[in-house]
C-alpha atoms as a PDB file:
ATOM      1  CA  MET A   1      14.377   5.612  21.451  1.00  0.00           C
ATOM      2  CA  THR A   2      11.630   3.166  20.605  1.00  0.00           C
ATOM      3  CA  ASP A   3      10.593   1.981  17.140  1.00  0.00           C
ATOM      4  CA  LEU A   4       6.890   2.153  18.034  1.00  0.00           C
ATOM      5  CA  ALA A   5       4.772   5.009  19.358  1.00  0.00           C
ATOM      6  CA  PHE A   6       1.069   5.817  19.362  1.00  0.00           C
ATOM      7  CA  GLY A   7      -0.052   8.944  17.526  1.00  0.00           C
ATOM      8  CA  ILE A   8      -3.324  10.793  18.127  1.00  0.00           C
ATOM      9  CA  ASP A   9      -4.823  13.653  16.109  1.00  0.00           C
ATOM     10  CA  ILE A  10      -7.582  15.566  17.932  1.00  0.00           C
ATOM     11  CA  GLY A  11     -10.062  17.533  15.833  1.00  0.00           C
ATOM     12  CA  GLY A  12     -13.331  19.324  16.400  1.00  0.00           C
ATOM     13  CA  SER A  13     -15.395  16.464  14.954  1.00  0.00           C
ATOM     14  CA  GLY A  14     -13.188  13.402  15.315  1.00  0.00           C
ATOM     15  CA  ILE A  15     -10.286  11.938  17.295  1.00  0.00           C
ATOM     16  CA  LYS A  16      -8.027   9.648  15.256  1.00  0.00           C
ATOM     17  CA  GLY A  17      -5.216   7.411  16.423  1.00  0.00           C
ATOM     18  CA  ALA A  18      -2.922   4.597  15.383  1.00  0.00           C
ATOM     19  CA  PRO A  19       0.310   2.918  16.428  1.00  0.00           C
ATOM     20  CA  VAL A  20       3.165   4.141  14.226  1.00  0.00           C
ATOM     21  CA  ASP A  21       6.179   2.222  12.954  1.00  0.00           C
ATOM     22  CA  LEU A  22       8.883   4.851  13.447  1.00  0.00           C
ATOM     23  CA  VAL A  23      11.365   3.159  11.157  1.00  0.00           C
ATOM     24  CA  ALA A  24       9.018   3.186   8.177  1.00  0.00           C
ATOM     25  CA  GLY A  25       7.034   6.281   9.187  1.00  0.00           C
ATOM     26  CA  GLU A  26       3.680   4.612   8.631  1.00  0.00           C
ATOM     27  CA  TYR A  27       0.828   3.060  10.594  1.00  0.00           C
ATOM     28  CA  ALA A  28       1.716  -0.233  12.277  1.00  0.00           C
ATOM     29  CA  ASP A  29      -1.993  -1.113  12.516  1.00  0.00           C
ATOM     30  CA  LYS A  30      -5.266   0.264  11.210  1.00  0.00           C
ATOM     31  CA  ARG A  31      -6.253   3.784  12.206  1.00  0.00           C
ATOM     32  CA  THR A  32      -9.257   4.239  14.509  1.00  0.00           C
ATOM     33  CA  ARG A  33     -11.561   7.263  14.561  1.00  0.00           C
ATOM     34  CA  ILE A  34     -13.910   8.126  17.429  1.00  0.00           C
ATOM     35  CA  PRO A  35     -16.270  11.157  17.272  1.00  0.00           C
ATOM     36  CA  THR A  36     -15.147  14.049  19.451  1.00  0.00           C
ATOM     37  CA  PRO A  37     -17.389  14.125  22.549  1.00  0.00           C
ATOM     38  CA  GLN A  38     -19.865  16.964  22.955  1.00  0.00           C
ATOM     39  CA  PRO A  39     -19.244  19.016  24.963  1.00  0.00           C
ATOM     40  CA  SER A  40     -15.547  18.535  24.228  1.00  0.00           C
ATOM     41  CA  THR A  41     -14.312  19.244  27.759  1.00  0.00           C
ATOM     42  CA  PRO A  42     -10.786  18.176  28.764  1.00  0.00           C
ATOM     43  CA  GLN A  43     -11.920  15.223  30.881  1.00  0.00           C
ATOM     44  CA  ALA A  44     -14.383  14.005  28.234  1.00  0.00           C
ATOM     45  CA  VAL A  45     -11.664  14.076  25.576  1.00  0.00           C
ATOM     46  CA  ALA A  46      -9.137  12.433  27.901  1.00  0.00           C
ATOM     47  CA  ASP A  47     -11.602   9.583  28.512  1.00  0.00           C
ATOM     48  CA  VAL A  48     -11.917   9.060  24.736  1.00  0.00           C
ATOM     49  CA  LEU A  49      -8.124   9.044  24.374  1.00  0.00           C
ATOM     50  CA  ALA A  50      -7.849   6.342  27.053  1.00  0.00           C
ATOM     51  CA  GLN A  51     -10.521   4.325  25.242  1.00  0.00           C
ATOM     52  CA  LEU A  52      -8.682   4.764  21.958  1.00  0.00           C
ATOM     53  CA  VAL A  53      -5.314   3.656  23.332  1.00  0.00           C
ATOM     54  CA  ASP A  54      -6.830   0.731  25.239  1.00  0.00           C
ATOM     55  CA  SER A  55      -8.412  -0.581  22.021  1.00  0.00           C
ATOM     56  CA  TYR A  56      -4.900  -1.599  20.919  1.00  0.00           C
ATOM     57  CA  HIS A  57      -2.788  -4.129  22.795  1.00  0.00           C
ATOM     58  CA  LEU A  58       0.313  -2.008  23.339  1.00  0.00           C
ATOM     59  CA  ALA A  59       3.279  -2.630  25.598  1.00  0.00           C
ATOM     60  CA  ASP A  60       3.299  -0.427  28.695  1.00  0.00           C
ATOM     61  CA  ASP A  61       6.343   1.536  27.522  1.00  0.00           C
ATOM     62  CA  VAL A  62       4.854   2.672  24.183  1.00  0.00           C
ATOM     63  CA  PRO A  63       4.698   6.511  24.358  1.00  0.00           C
ATOM     64  CA  ILE A  64       1.837   8.673  23.117  1.00  0.00           C
ATOM     65  CA  GLY A  65       2.097  11.714  20.883  1.00  0.00           C
ATOM     66  CA  VAL A  66      -0.901  14.052  20.652  1.00  0.00           C
ATOM     67  CA  ALA A  67      -1.519  16.536  17.829  1.00  0.00           C
ATOM     68  CA  PHE A  68      -3.843  19.228  19.178  1.00  0.00           C
ATOM     69  CA  PRO A  69      -5.706  22.070  17.397  1.00  0.00           C
ATOM     70  CA  ALA A  70      -4.317  24.959  19.462  1.00  0.00           C
ATOM     71  CA  PRO A  71      -1.016  26.654  20.299  1.00  0.00           C
ATOM     72  CA  MET A  72       0.689  25.268  23.396  1.00  0.00           C
ATOM     73  CA  GLN A  73       3.598  26.399  25.520  1.00  0.00           C
ATOM     74  CA  HIS A  74       5.378  23.515  27.254  1.00  0.00           C
ATOM     75  CA  GLY A  75       2.221  21.440  26.892  1.00  0.00           C
ATOM     76  CA  VAL A  76      -0.154  24.074  28.320  1.00  0.00           C
ATOM     77  CA  VAL A  77      -2.998  25.159  26.016  1.00  0.00           C
ATOM     78  CA  ARG A  78      -2.810  28.927  25.442  1.00  0.00           C
ATOM     79  CA  PHE A  79      -6.247  29.451  23.907  1.00  0.00           C
ATOM     80  CA  MET A  80      -8.858  27.340  22.164  1.00  0.00           C
ATOM     81  CA  ALA A  81     -10.863  27.781  18.965  1.00  0.00           C
ATOM     82  CA  ASN A  82     -12.255  24.370  17.932  1.00  0.00           C
ATOM     83  CA  LEU A  83     -12.975  22.678  21.271  1.00  0.00           C
ATOM     84  CA  ASP A  84     -14.583  23.634  24.572  1.00  0.00           C
ATOM     85  CA  GLN A  85     -13.228  26.890  26.014  1.00  0.00           C
ATOM     86  CA  SER A  86     -12.416  25.148  29.297  1.00  0.00           C
ATOM     87  CA  TRP A  87      -9.251  23.845  27.606  1.00  0.00           C
ATOM     88  CA  THR A  88      -7.481  27.173  28.092  1.00  0.00           C
ATOM     89  CA  GLY A  89      -4.706  26.731  30.654  1.00  0.00           C
ATOM     90  CA  VAL A  90      -4.869  22.908  30.687  1.00  0.00           C
ATOM     91  CA  ASP A  91      -1.605  20.942  30.857  1.00  0.00           C
ATOM     92  CA  LEU A  92      -2.431  18.496  28.070  1.00  0.00           C
ATOM     93  CA  PRO A  93       0.399  15.948  28.564  1.00  0.00           C
ATOM     94  CA  ALA A  94      -0.346  15.714  32.295  1.00  0.00           C
ATOM     95  CA  LEU A  95      -4.070  15.230  31.615  1.00  0.00           C
ATOM     96  CA  VAL A  96      -3.506  12.442  29.090  1.00  0.00           C
ATOM     97  CA  GLN A  97      -0.835  10.791  31.230  1.00  0.00           C
ATOM     98  CA  ARG A  98      -3.306  10.565  34.121  1.00  0.00           C
ATOM     99  CA  ALA A  99      -5.912   9.035  31.801  1.00  0.00           C
ATOM    100  CA  THR A 100      -3.629   6.509  30.101  1.00  0.00           C
ATOM    101  CA  GLY A 101      -0.735   5.910  32.499  1.00  0.00           C
ATOM    102  CA  ARG A 102       1.725   6.473  29.667  1.00  0.00           C
ATOM    103  CA  SER A 103       4.452   8.933  28.713  1.00  0.00           C
ATOM    104  CA  VAL A 104       2.813  11.724  26.664  1.00  0.00           C
ATOM    105  CA  THR A 105       4.080  14.456  24.338  1.00  0.00           C
ATOM    106  CA  ALA A 106       1.676  17.086  22.972  1.00  0.00           C
ATOM    107  CA  VAL A 107       2.179  19.457  20.055  1.00  0.00           C
ATOM    108  CA  ASN A 108       0.144  21.782  17.864  1.00  0.00           C
ATOM    109  CA  ASP A 109      -1.446  19.829  14.999  1.00  0.00           C
ATOM    110  CA  ALA A 110       0.241  21.839  12.223  1.00  0.00           C
ATOM    111  CA  ASP A 111       3.593  21.354  13.960  1.00  0.00           C
ATOM    112  CA  ALA A 112       2.956  17.608  14.171  1.00  0.00           C
ATOM    113  CA  ALA A 113       2.201  17.466  10.438  1.00  0.00           C
ATOM    114  CA  GLY A 114       5.372  19.434   9.755  1.00  0.00           C
ATOM    115  CA  ILE A 115       7.502  17.002  11.732  1.00  0.00           C
ATOM    116  CA  GLY A 116       5.870  14.115   9.871  1.00  0.00           C
ATOM    117  CA  GLU A 117       6.842  15.606   6.505  1.00  0.00           C
ATOM    118  CA  VAL A 118      10.384  16.408   7.658  1.00  0.00           C
ATOM    119  CA  ARG A 119      11.032  12.964   9.150  1.00  0.00           C
ATOM    120  CA  TYR A 120       9.284  10.791   6.592  1.00  0.00           C
ATOM    121  CA  GLY A 121       7.727  12.809   3.785  1.00  0.00           C
ATOM    122  CA  ALA A 122       8.434  15.497   1.237  1.00  0.00           C
ATOM    123  CA  ALA A 123      11.186  17.191   3.294  1.00  0.00           C
ATOM    124  CA  ARG A 124      13.029  14.050   4.365  1.00  0.00           C
ATOM    125  CA  ASN A 125      16.830  14.480   4.346  1.00  0.00           C
ATOM    126  CA  THR A 126      16.502  18.246   3.766  1.00  0.00           C
ATOM    127  CA  GLU A 127      18.929  20.377   5.768  1.00  0.00           C
ATOM    128  CA  GLY A 128      18.414  23.991   6.791  1.00  0.00           C
ATOM    129  CA  VAL A 129      15.081  25.773   7.109  1.00  0.00           C
ATOM    130  CA  VAL A 130      11.941  23.863   6.089  1.00  0.00           C
ATOM    131  CA  LEU A 131       8.523  25.517   6.076  1.00  0.00           C
ATOM    132  CA  VAL A 132       5.476  23.246   5.987  1.00  0.00           C
ATOM    133  CA  VAL A 133       2.176  25.003   5.276  1.00  0.00           C
ATOM    134  CA  THR A 134      -1.273  23.407   5.317  1.00  0.00           C
ATOM    135  CA  LEU A 135      -3.983  25.052   3.217  1.00  0.00           C
ATOM    136  CA  GLY A 136      -7.498  24.290   4.424  1.00  0.00           C
ATOM    137  CA  THR A 137     -10.122  26.130   6.465  1.00  0.00           C
ATOM    138  CA  GLY A 138      -7.196  28.240   7.652  1.00  0.00           C
ATOM    139  CA  ILE A 139      -3.466  28.244   7.009  1.00  0.00           C
ATOM    140  CA  GLY A 140      -1.392  26.141   9.376  1.00  0.00           C
ATOM    141  CA  SER A 141       2.380  26.393   9.531  1.00  0.00           C
ATOM    142  CA  ALA A 142       5.340  24.488  10.907  1.00  0.00           C
ATOM    143  CA  LEU A 143       8.919  25.745  10.853  1.00  0.00           C
ATOM    144  CA  VAL A 144      11.712  23.190  11.243  1.00  0.00           C
ATOM    145  CA  VAL A 145      15.373  24.253  11.333  1.00  0.00           C
ATOM    146  CA  ASP A 146      17.973  21.499  10.886  1.00  0.00           C
ATOM    147  CA  GLY A 147      15.420  18.998  12.122  1.00  0.00           C
ATOM    148  CA  VAL A 148      14.404  21.013  15.196  1.00  0.00           C
ATOM    149  CA  LEU A 149      10.835  22.322  15.458  1.00  0.00           C
ATOM    150  CA  VAL A 150      10.215  26.016  16.164  1.00  0.00           C
ATOM    151  CA  PRO A 151       6.730  25.627  17.692  1.00  0.00           C
ATOM    152  CA  ASN A 152       3.547  27.679  17.354  1.00  0.00           C
ATOM    153  CA  THR A 153       4.516  29.853  14.398  1.00  0.00           C
ATOM    154  CA  GLU A 154       0.888  30.608  13.307  1.00  0.00           C
ATOM    155  CA  LEU A 155       2.089  32.129  10.012  1.00  0.00           C
ATOM    156  CA  GLY A 156      -1.434  31.942   8.623  1.00  0.00           C
ATOM    157  CA  HIS A 157      -2.245  34.985  10.751  1.00  0.00           C
ATOM    158  CA  LEU A 158       0.341  37.304   9.258  1.00  0.00           C
ATOM    159  CA  GLU A 159      -1.225  40.595   8.242  1.00  0.00           C
ATOM    160  CA  ILE A 160      -0.593  41.081   4.527  1.00  0.00           C
ATOM    161  CA  ASP A 161      -2.016  44.057   2.590  1.00  0.00           C
ATOM    162  CA  GLY A 162      -4.258  44.820   5.557  1.00  0.00           C
ATOM    163  CA  TYR A 163      -5.795  41.335   5.743  1.00  0.00           C
ATOM    164  CA  ASP A 164      -5.287  38.329   7.960  1.00  0.00           C
ATOM    165  CA  ALA A 165      -3.469  36.127   5.439  1.00  0.00           C
ATOM    166  CA  GLU A 166      -5.653  33.057   5.778  1.00  0.00           C
ATOM    167  CA  SER A 167      -8.816  35.088   5.126  1.00  0.00           C
ATOM    168  CA  ARG A 168      -7.495  35.651   1.593  1.00  0.00           C
ATOM    169  CA  ALA A 169      -5.251  32.702   0.796  1.00  0.00           C
ATOM    170  CA  ALA A 170      -6.649  29.659   2.620  1.00  0.00           C
ATOM    171  CA  ASP A 171      -8.432  27.008   0.556  1.00  0.00           C
ATOM    172  CA  SER A 172     -11.662  28.069   2.271  1.00  0.00           C
ATOM    173  CA  ALA A 173     -11.243  31.526   0.715  1.00  0.00           C
ATOM    174  CA  ARG A 174     -10.910  29.934  -2.738  1.00  0.00           C
ATOM    175  CA  GLU A 175     -14.129  28.002  -2.190  1.00  0.00           C
ATOM    176  CA  ARG A 176     -16.022  30.817  -0.474  1.00  0.00           C
ATOM    177  CA  GLU A 177     -15.270  33.345  -3.198  1.00  0.00           C
ATOM    178  CA  ASP A 178     -15.460  30.784  -6.014  1.00  0.00           C
ATOM    179  CA  LEU A 179     -11.987  31.771  -7.190  1.00  0.00           C
ATOM    180  CA  SER A 180     -10.431  30.254 -10.266  1.00  0.00           C
ATOM    181  CA  TRP A 181      -7.158  28.377  -9.742  1.00  0.00           C
ATOM    182  CA  GLU A 182      -5.398  31.261 -11.483  1.00  0.00           C
ATOM    183  CA  ALA A 183      -6.915  33.905  -9.194  1.00  0.00           C
ATOM    184  CA  TRP A 184      -6.154  31.856  -6.087  1.00  0.00           C
ATOM    185  CA  THR A 185      -2.585  31.266  -7.258  1.00  0.00           C
ATOM    186  CA  GLU A 186      -2.065  35.044  -7.385  1.00  0.00           C
ATOM    187  CA  ARG A 187      -3.043  35.230  -3.718  1.00  0.00           C
ATOM    188  CA  LEU A 188      -0.746  32.322  -2.856  1.00  0.00           C
ATOM    189  CA  GLN A 189       2.085  34.062  -4.697  1.00  0.00           C
ATOM    190  CA  ARG A 190       1.626  37.141  -2.531  1.00  0.00           C
ATOM    191  CA  TYR A 191       1.417  35.074   0.662  1.00  0.00           C
ATOM    192  CA  PHE A 192       4.390  32.838   0.009  1.00  0.00           C
ATOM    193  CA  GLY A 193       6.418  35.760  -1.316  1.00  0.00           C
ATOM    194  CA  VAL A 194       6.045  37.622   1.977  1.00  0.00           C
ATOM    195  CA  VAL A 195       6.787  34.502   4.037  1.00  0.00           C
ATOM    196  CA  GLU A 196       9.858  33.745   1.937  1.00  0.00           C
ATOM    197  CA  ASP A 197      11.184  37.262   2.417  1.00  0.00           C
ATOM    198  CA  LEU A 198      10.786  36.857   6.190  1.00  0.00           C
ATOM    199  CA  LEU A 199      12.272  33.383   6.619  1.00  0.00           C
ATOM    200  CA  SER A 200      14.347  32.496   3.506  1.00  0.00           C
ATOM    201  CA  PRO A 201      13.426  28.802   3.713  1.00  0.00           C
ATOM    202  CA  ASP A 202      15.405  26.153   1.866  1.00  0.00           C
ATOM    203  CA  LEU A 203      12.237  24.209   1.071  1.00  0.00           C
ATOM    204  CA  ILE A 204       8.485  24.860   1.284  1.00  0.00           C
ATOM    205  CA  VAL A 205       6.079  21.920   1.604  1.00  0.00           C
ATOM    206  CA  VAL A 206       2.360  22.448   0.990  1.00  0.00           C
ATOM    207  CA  GLY A 207      -0.192  20.145   2.607  1.00  0.00           C
ATOM    208  CA  GLY A 208      -3.896  20.149   3.360  1.00  0.00           C
ATOM    209  CA  GLY A 209      -6.645  18.537   1.323  1.00  0.00           C
ATOM    210  CA  VAL A 210      -6.089  20.842  -1.641  1.00  0.00           C
ATOM    211  CA  SER A 211      -2.541  19.513  -2.036  1.00  0.00           C
ATOM    212  CA  LYS A 212      -3.985  16.653  -4.097  1.00  0.00           C
ATOM    213  CA  HIS A 213      -4.618  19.296  -6.791  1.00  0.00           C
ATOM    214  CA  HIS A 214      -1.083  20.711  -6.521  1.00  0.00           C
ATOM    215  CA  GLU A 215      -0.478  20.625 -10.257  1.00  0.00           C
ATOM    216  CA  LYS A 216      -3.105  23.366 -10.677  1.00  0.00           C
ATOM    217  CA  TYR A 217      -1.203  25.975  -8.651  1.00  0.00           C
ATOM    218  CA  LEU A 218       2.248  25.008  -7.327  1.00  0.00           C
ATOM    219  CA  PRO A 219       3.993  25.039 -10.748  1.00  0.00           C
ATOM    220  CA  HIS A 220       2.714  28.601 -11.291  1.00  0.00           C
ATOM    221  CA  LEU A 221       4.291  30.044  -8.135  1.00  0.00           C
ATOM    222  CA  HIS A 222       7.556  31.926  -8.612  1.00  0.00           C
ATOM    223  CA  LEU A 223       9.699  31.690  -5.501  1.00  0.00           C
ATOM    224  CA  ARG A 224      13.386  31.345  -4.715  1.00  0.00           C
ATOM    225  CA  ALA A 225      12.869  28.181  -2.691  1.00  0.00           C
ATOM    226  CA  PRO A 226      11.557  24.919  -4.151  1.00  0.00           C
ATOM    227  CA  ILE A 227       7.890  24.392  -3.259  1.00  0.00           C
ATOM    228  CA  VAL A 228       6.524  20.840  -3.306  1.00  0.00           C
ATOM    229  CA  PRO A 229       3.356  18.976  -2.269  1.00  0.00           C
ATOM    230  CA  ALA A 230       3.190  17.086   1.021  1.00  0.00           C
ATOM    231  CA  GLN A 231       3.461  13.301   0.822  1.00  0.00           C
ATOM    232  CA  LEU A 232       1.907  11.960   4.029  1.00  0.00           C
ATOM    233  CA  ARG A 233      -1.451  13.703   3.548  1.00  0.00           C
ATOM    234  CA  ASN A 234      -3.877  12.888   6.385  1.00  0.00           C
ATOM    235  CA  ALA A 235      -1.377  10.627   8.165  1.00  0.00           C
ATOM    236  CA  ALA A 236       1.118  13.454   8.790  1.00  0.00           C
ATOM    237  CA  GLY A 237      -0.277  14.615  12.150  1.00  0.00           C
ATOM    238  CA  ILE A 238      -0.455  11.147  13.691  1.00  0.00           C
ATOM    239  CA  VAL A 239       2.962  10.133  12.368  1.00  0.00           C
ATOM    240  CA  GLY A 240       4.613  13.412  13.388  1.00  0.00           C
ATOM    241  CA  ALA A 241       3.142  13.359  16.901  1.00  0.00           C
ATOM    242  CA  ALA A 242       4.300   9.781  17.368  1.00  0.00           C
ATOM    243  CA  ALA A 243       7.814  10.662  16.179  1.00  0.00           C
ATOM    244  CA  LEU A 244       8.045  13.503  18.691  1.00  0.00           C
ATOM    245  CA  ALA A 245       6.780  11.246  21.483  1.00  0.00           C
ATOM    246  CA  ALA A 246       9.591   8.807  20.732  1.00  0.00           C
ATOM    247  CA  GLY A 247      12.214  11.536  20.818  1.00  0.00           C
ATOM    248  CA  ARG A 248      12.849  11.533  17.074  1.00  0.00           C
END
């Protein structure tokens, strides 16, 4: 295992990356953001990733971890929502390895954030089943059991009371419907109650931009498991992807 890896978080509008100190779980240098190319085809994105990595003076053996906004099976993109549709069926690690000449690990972005929180954040040193949920435009989820990731859970798309869960309980639903914190908390209670009954987690970690307002809703949820705010915030995806690339 190495103590340094390079983490990349690919989004629909921006691609962010930084070298990560894997002992401390934090950036080893400043983070760089490059706008996502349009159209966001695989080769166009791979060229940006090579540019991003080359902007740092890294040793040849520093691995790359990529957090990607889609489910993947063994590195192959299953379907695509936020980037060009030509991504479907692409072997992402192989593509990035060709572009950068480096060892590459790729993971769903919510899974990367979950690993970041388990290794270095709010769930550090927690044994058993940890559920990390990000509340934003949708609901992202990562399930980690005794430190091992169960990939591609997509628990935001559970059907609850006849609705796709994220259409009712994501932060975008709160904003779209102008819900009070109290009204939104009732929806979160229903969502997390169902998820807890299915998985019986030992700890639930809540991330996403709205986690900075956690005192307005988390203390009002009544669950068996402790539920706490994420700690790494926007760094979680980059840090988690880098940790996975280094075999941590």
